[in-house]
N, C-alpha and C. Protein backbone atom coordinates (compact mmCIF):
# COMPACT_ATOMS: atom_id res chain seq x y z
N MET A 1 100.96 101.02 124.73
CA MET A 1 101.91 99.98 124.44
C MET A 1 103.09 100.59 123.68
N SER A 2 104.27 100.18 124.05
CA SER A 2 105.45 100.74 123.40
C SER A 2 105.56 100.22 121.97
N ALA A 3 106.28 100.96 121.15
CA ALA A 3 106.48 100.58 119.75
C ALA A 3 107.21 99.25 119.64
N HIS A 4 108.18 99.03 120.54
CA HIS A 4 108.95 97.77 120.50
C HIS A 4 108.07 96.58 120.86
N ARG A 5 107.23 96.76 121.85
CA ARG A 5 106.32 95.68 122.26
C ARG A 5 105.33 95.37 121.13
N ARG A 6 104.79 96.42 120.50
CA ARG A 6 103.84 96.22 119.41
C ARG A 6 104.52 95.48 118.25
N GLN A 7 105.74 95.87 117.92
CA GLN A 7 106.48 95.19 116.85
C GLN A 7 106.71 93.72 117.20
N ALA A 8 107.03 93.45 118.46
CA ALA A 8 107.25 92.06 118.90
C ALA A 8 105.96 91.25 118.78
N LEU A 9 104.84 91.84 119.15
CA LEU A 9 103.56 91.14 119.05
C LEU A 9 103.17 90.90 117.58
N LEU A 10 103.43 91.86 116.74
CA LEU A 10 103.16 91.68 115.31
C LEU A 10 104.05 90.58 114.73
N TRP A 11 105.31 90.55 115.14
CA TRP A 11 106.23 89.51 114.69
C TRP A 11 105.71 88.14 115.11
N LEU A 12 105.28 88.03 116.36
CA LEU A 12 104.75 86.76 116.88
C LEU A 12 103.48 86.36 116.13
N ALA A 13 102.57 87.31 115.91
CA ALA A 13 101.34 87.02 115.18
C ALA A 13 101.64 86.57 113.76
N GLN A 14 102.63 87.18 113.14
CA GLN A 14 103.02 86.82 111.77
C GLN A 14 103.53 85.38 111.74
N ARG A 15 104.37 85.01 112.68
CA ARG A 15 104.93 83.65 112.71
C ARG A 15 103.87 82.62 113.08
N ALA A 16 103.03 82.92 114.04
CA ALA A 16 101.97 81.98 114.44
C ALA A 16 100.97 81.77 113.30
N SER A 17 100.59 82.86 112.64
CA SER A 17 99.65 82.72 111.53
C SER A 17 100.29 81.97 110.36
N ALA A 18 101.59 82.11 110.18
CA ALA A 18 102.29 81.35 109.12
C ALA A 18 102.22 79.86 109.41
N ALA A 19 102.37 79.48 110.66
CA ALA A 19 102.29 78.06 111.03
C ALA A 19 100.88 77.52 110.78
N VAL A 20 99.87 78.30 111.14
CA VAL A 20 98.48 77.90 110.89
C VAL A 20 98.24 77.77 109.39
N LEU A 21 98.70 78.75 108.62
CA LEU A 21 98.50 78.72 107.17
C LEU A 21 99.22 77.55 106.51
N ALA A 22 100.41 77.23 106.97
CA ALA A 22 101.14 76.10 106.40
C ALA A 22 100.33 74.82 106.56
N PHE A 23 99.80 74.62 107.74
CA PHE A 23 98.97 73.44 108.00
C PHE A 23 97.71 73.46 107.12
N CYS A 24 97.02 74.60 107.09
CA CYS A 24 95.78 74.70 106.33
C CYS A 24 95.99 74.51 104.83
N VAL A 25 97.06 75.06 104.29
CA VAL A 25 97.34 74.91 102.86
C VAL A 25 97.59 73.45 102.52
N VAL A 26 98.35 72.76 103.35
CA VAL A 26 98.63 71.34 103.10
C VAL A 26 97.33 70.53 103.15
N VAL A 27 96.52 70.73 104.16
CA VAL A 27 95.25 70.00 104.27
C VAL A 27 94.36 70.32 103.07
N HIS A 28 94.26 71.59 102.71
CA HIS A 28 93.42 72.01 101.60
C HIS A 28 93.87 71.36 100.28
N LEU A 29 95.16 71.43 99.99
CA LEU A 29 95.67 70.88 98.73
C LEU A 29 95.57 69.36 98.67
N VAL A 30 95.88 68.70 99.77
CA VAL A 30 95.76 67.24 99.80
C VAL A 30 94.31 66.82 99.63
N THR A 31 93.41 67.50 100.30
CA THR A 31 91.98 67.18 100.19
C THR A 31 91.48 67.37 98.77
N LEU A 32 91.84 68.49 98.16
CA LEU A 32 91.41 68.73 96.78
C LEU A 32 92.00 67.72 95.81
N THR A 33 93.26 67.39 95.99
CA THR A 33 93.91 66.42 95.11
C THR A 33 93.24 65.05 95.23
N VAL A 34 92.98 64.62 96.44
CA VAL A 34 92.33 63.33 96.66
C VAL A 34 90.92 63.35 96.08
N ALA A 35 90.20 64.43 96.29
CA ALA A 35 88.83 64.53 95.79
C ALA A 35 88.78 64.50 94.27
N VAL A 36 89.66 65.25 93.63
CA VAL A 36 89.66 65.31 92.17
C VAL A 36 90.11 63.98 91.58
N ARG A 37 91.14 63.41 92.15
CA ARG A 37 91.61 62.09 91.65
C ARG A 37 90.57 61.02 91.89
N GLY A 38 89.76 61.21 92.92
CA GLY A 38 88.69 60.26 93.20
C GLY A 38 87.50 60.43 92.27
N GLY A 39 87.56 61.43 91.40
CA GLY A 39 86.50 61.63 90.42
C GLY A 39 85.35 62.50 90.89
N LEU A 40 85.51 63.16 92.03
CA LEU A 40 84.43 64.02 92.52
C LEU A 40 84.35 65.30 91.69
N THR A 41 83.15 65.72 91.42
CA THR A 41 82.93 66.98 90.73
C THR A 41 82.83 68.10 91.75
N ALA A 42 82.86 69.32 91.27
CA ALA A 42 82.70 70.47 92.17
C ALA A 42 81.37 70.39 92.91
N ALA A 43 80.33 69.99 92.22
CA ALA A 43 79.01 69.87 92.86
C ALA A 43 79.03 68.82 93.98
N GLU A 44 79.71 67.72 93.75
CA GLU A 44 79.81 66.68 94.78
C GLU A 44 80.65 67.14 95.97
N ILE A 45 81.70 67.87 95.69
CA ILE A 45 82.52 68.41 96.78
C ILE A 45 81.71 69.39 97.62
N LEU A 46 80.97 70.28 96.96
CA LEU A 46 80.13 71.23 97.69
C LEU A 46 79.06 70.51 98.50
N ALA A 47 78.49 69.45 97.96
CA ALA A 47 77.48 68.68 98.69
C ALA A 47 78.06 68.11 99.99
N ARG A 48 79.34 67.75 99.96
CA ARG A 48 79.98 67.21 101.16
C ARG A 48 80.36 68.29 102.17
N THR A 49 80.64 69.50 101.69
CA THR A 49 81.03 70.56 102.62
C THR A 49 79.82 71.26 103.25
N ARG A 50 78.69 71.22 102.59
CA ARG A 50 77.49 71.87 103.11
C ARG A 50 77.09 71.25 104.45
N SER A 51 76.81 72.08 105.40
CA SER A 51 76.37 71.66 106.74
C SER A 51 77.41 70.84 107.50
N SER A 52 78.66 70.96 107.12
CA SER A 52 79.73 70.25 107.81
C SER A 52 80.40 71.18 108.81
N ILE A 53 80.23 70.89 110.08
CA ILE A 53 80.85 71.71 111.13
C ILE A 53 82.37 71.65 111.02
N GLY A 54 82.92 70.48 110.74
CA GLY A 54 84.37 70.32 110.65
C GLY A 54 84.97 71.20 109.57
N TRP A 55 84.39 71.17 108.36
CA TRP A 55 84.91 71.99 107.27
C TRP A 55 84.67 73.47 107.53
N THR A 56 83.56 73.79 108.16
CA THR A 56 83.30 75.19 108.50
C THR A 56 84.38 75.71 109.44
N VAL A 57 84.67 74.98 110.50
CA VAL A 57 85.70 75.40 111.46
C VAL A 57 87.06 75.48 110.77
N PHE A 58 87.39 74.47 109.96
CA PHE A 58 88.67 74.48 109.26
C PHE A 58 88.82 75.73 108.41
N TYR A 59 87.82 76.03 107.58
CA TYR A 59 87.95 77.18 106.68
C TYR A 59 87.84 78.52 107.41
N VAL A 60 87.15 78.58 108.53
CA VAL A 60 87.16 79.82 109.32
C VAL A 60 88.56 80.05 109.88
N VAL A 61 89.19 79.01 110.38
CA VAL A 61 90.58 79.13 110.89
C VAL A 61 91.51 79.57 109.75
N PHE A 62 91.34 79.00 108.57
CA PHE A 62 92.14 79.35 107.39
C PHE A 62 91.97 80.84 107.08
N VAL A 63 90.73 81.30 107.03
CA VAL A 63 90.45 82.71 106.71
C VAL A 63 91.03 83.64 107.78
N VAL A 64 90.87 83.31 109.03
CA VAL A 64 91.42 84.15 110.11
C VAL A 64 92.94 84.21 109.99
N GLY A 65 93.56 83.08 109.68
CA GLY A 65 95.01 83.06 109.48
C GLY A 65 95.45 84.01 108.37
N VAL A 66 94.73 83.97 107.25
CA VAL A 66 95.04 84.87 106.14
C VAL A 66 94.83 86.33 106.54
N ALA A 67 93.72 86.60 107.23
CA ALA A 67 93.40 87.98 107.62
C ALA A 67 94.41 88.55 108.61
N ILE A 68 95.10 87.70 109.33
CA ILE A 68 96.15 88.16 110.24
C ILE A 68 97.48 88.27 109.48
N HIS A 69 97.82 87.22 108.75
CA HIS A 69 99.15 87.11 108.15
C HIS A 69 99.41 88.12 107.03
N ALA A 70 98.50 88.20 106.08
CA ALA A 70 98.74 89.04 104.90
C ALA A 70 98.90 90.53 105.23
N PRO A 71 98.02 91.13 106.03
CA PRO A 71 98.20 92.55 106.31
C PRO A 71 99.49 92.88 107.08
N ILE A 72 99.89 91.98 107.97
CA ILE A 72 101.13 92.23 108.72
C ILE A 72 102.31 92.20 107.75
N GLY A 73 102.32 91.23 106.85
CA GLY A 73 103.40 91.15 105.87
C GLY A 73 103.41 92.35 104.94
N MET A 74 102.23 92.74 104.46
CA MET A 74 102.15 93.91 103.58
C MET A 74 102.58 95.17 104.31
N ARG A 75 102.19 95.30 105.58
CA ARG A 75 102.57 96.46 106.39
C ARG A 75 104.09 96.57 106.46
N THR A 76 104.74 95.43 106.69
CA THR A 76 106.20 95.42 106.80
C THR A 76 106.85 95.84 105.48
N VAL A 77 106.40 95.25 104.38
CA VAL A 77 106.97 95.57 103.07
C VAL A 77 106.74 97.04 102.73
N LEU A 78 105.52 97.53 102.92
CA LEU A 78 105.21 98.93 102.60
C LEU A 78 105.98 99.90 103.50
N ALA A 79 106.12 99.56 104.78
CA ALA A 79 106.87 100.43 105.69
C ALA A 79 108.34 100.49 105.30
N GLU A 80 108.91 99.35 104.93
CA GLU A 80 110.31 99.33 104.53
C GLU A 80 110.54 100.09 103.23
N SER A 81 109.59 99.99 102.31
CA SER A 81 109.77 100.67 101.02
C SER A 81 109.45 102.16 101.08
N SER A 82 108.69 102.57 102.10
CA SER A 82 108.33 103.99 102.20
C SER A 82 109.15 104.73 103.26
N GLY A 83 110.01 104.04 103.94
CA GLY A 83 110.88 104.70 104.90
C GLY A 83 110.40 104.73 106.34
N GLY A 84 109.38 104.00 106.69
CA GLY A 84 108.97 103.95 108.09
C GLY A 84 107.48 103.70 108.26
N HIS A 85 107.12 103.38 109.50
CA HIS A 85 105.72 103.12 109.83
C HIS A 85 105.01 104.44 110.08
N ARG A 86 103.83 104.51 109.57
CA ARG A 86 102.99 105.68 109.79
C ARG A 86 101.62 105.23 110.24
N ARG A 87 100.94 106.09 110.95
CA ARG A 87 99.59 105.77 111.44
C ARG A 87 98.66 105.41 110.29
N GLY A 88 98.76 106.12 109.18
CA GLY A 88 97.92 105.85 108.03
C GLY A 88 98.11 104.44 107.48
N LEU A 89 99.34 103.98 107.50
CA LEU A 89 99.64 102.62 107.04
C LEU A 89 98.98 101.60 107.96
N ASP A 90 99.07 101.82 109.25
CA ASP A 90 98.42 100.91 110.21
C ASP A 90 96.91 100.87 110.00
N LEU A 91 96.32 102.02 109.77
CA LEU A 91 94.87 102.07 109.54
C LEU A 91 94.50 101.38 108.23
N ALA A 92 95.29 101.58 107.19
CA ALA A 92 95.03 100.94 105.91
C ALA A 92 95.14 99.42 106.03
N MET A 93 96.13 98.93 106.76
CA MET A 93 96.30 97.49 106.90
C MET A 93 95.21 96.89 107.80
N THR A 94 94.74 97.65 108.77
CA THR A 94 93.61 97.18 109.58
C THR A 94 92.36 97.05 108.70
N ALA A 95 92.13 98.04 107.85
CA ALA A 95 91.00 97.98 106.93
C ALA A 95 91.15 96.80 105.98
N PHE A 96 92.36 96.56 105.49
CA PHE A 96 92.62 95.44 104.60
C PHE A 96 92.35 94.11 105.31
N ALA A 97 92.77 94.02 106.57
CA ALA A 97 92.52 92.80 107.35
C ALA A 97 91.02 92.55 107.49
N LEU A 98 90.27 93.59 107.78
CA LEU A 98 88.82 93.45 107.92
C LEU A 98 88.16 93.06 106.60
N LEU A 99 88.66 93.61 105.51
CA LEU A 99 88.14 93.26 104.18
C LEU A 99 88.41 91.79 103.87
N LEU A 100 89.63 91.33 104.13
CA LEU A 100 89.96 89.92 103.92
C LEU A 100 89.09 89.02 104.78
N LEU A 101 88.90 89.41 106.03
CA LEU A 101 88.09 88.62 106.95
C LEU A 101 86.64 88.54 106.45
N ALA A 102 86.07 89.67 106.08
CA ALA A 102 84.68 89.69 105.61
C ALA A 102 84.51 88.87 104.32
N ALA A 103 85.41 89.06 103.36
CA ALA A 103 85.31 88.33 102.10
C ALA A 103 85.52 86.83 102.32
N GLY A 104 86.48 86.50 103.16
CA GLY A 104 86.75 85.09 103.44
C GLY A 104 85.61 84.40 104.16
N LEU A 105 85.04 85.08 105.14
CA LEU A 105 83.91 84.48 105.87
C LEU A 105 82.69 84.35 104.97
N ARG A 106 82.52 85.28 104.06
CA ARG A 106 81.42 85.17 103.09
C ARG A 106 81.63 83.94 102.21
N ALA A 107 82.86 83.71 101.79
CA ALA A 107 83.15 82.52 100.97
C ALA A 107 82.94 81.24 101.77
N VAL A 108 83.35 81.23 103.03
CA VAL A 108 83.13 80.04 103.88
C VAL A 108 81.64 79.77 103.99
N TYR A 109 80.86 80.82 104.21
CA TYR A 109 79.41 80.65 104.30
C TYR A 109 78.86 80.06 103.01
N ALA A 110 79.32 80.56 101.87
CA ALA A 110 78.82 80.09 100.58
C ALA A 110 79.14 78.61 100.35
N VAL A 111 80.29 78.18 100.82
CA VAL A 111 80.73 76.81 100.58
C VAL A 111 80.16 75.83 101.61
N THR A 112 79.93 76.29 102.83
CA THR A 112 79.50 75.37 103.88
C THR A 112 78.03 75.49 104.28
N ALA A 113 77.43 76.62 104.01
CA ALA A 113 76.03 76.80 104.43
C ALA A 113 75.12 77.20 103.28
N GLY A 114 75.71 77.80 102.24
CA GLY A 114 74.95 78.38 101.15
C GLY A 114 74.12 77.42 100.42
């Protein structure tokens, strides 16, 4: 794949993941605000998320969005500040994406199945 095509795909992935994250952040914050104002405790909120397919899917989508969006953004900032893209930077950001994905999915499991 050419460098220009790869850059275009990364740009598209960055924008698409931003749209997903915008939606997820709004849903997450509104839900938490309503729950807290409704007097729910953390234990009660966890009781409602446990074994919930809907919340599991929502938070998996949220985590995947973060795992795509953050490393691409960091890659761009680091490449611009260091004078260009290097193979090592791509490998480091891939590792970072996998770390975010693993940590996020572990958290989703803890909140929805744990």
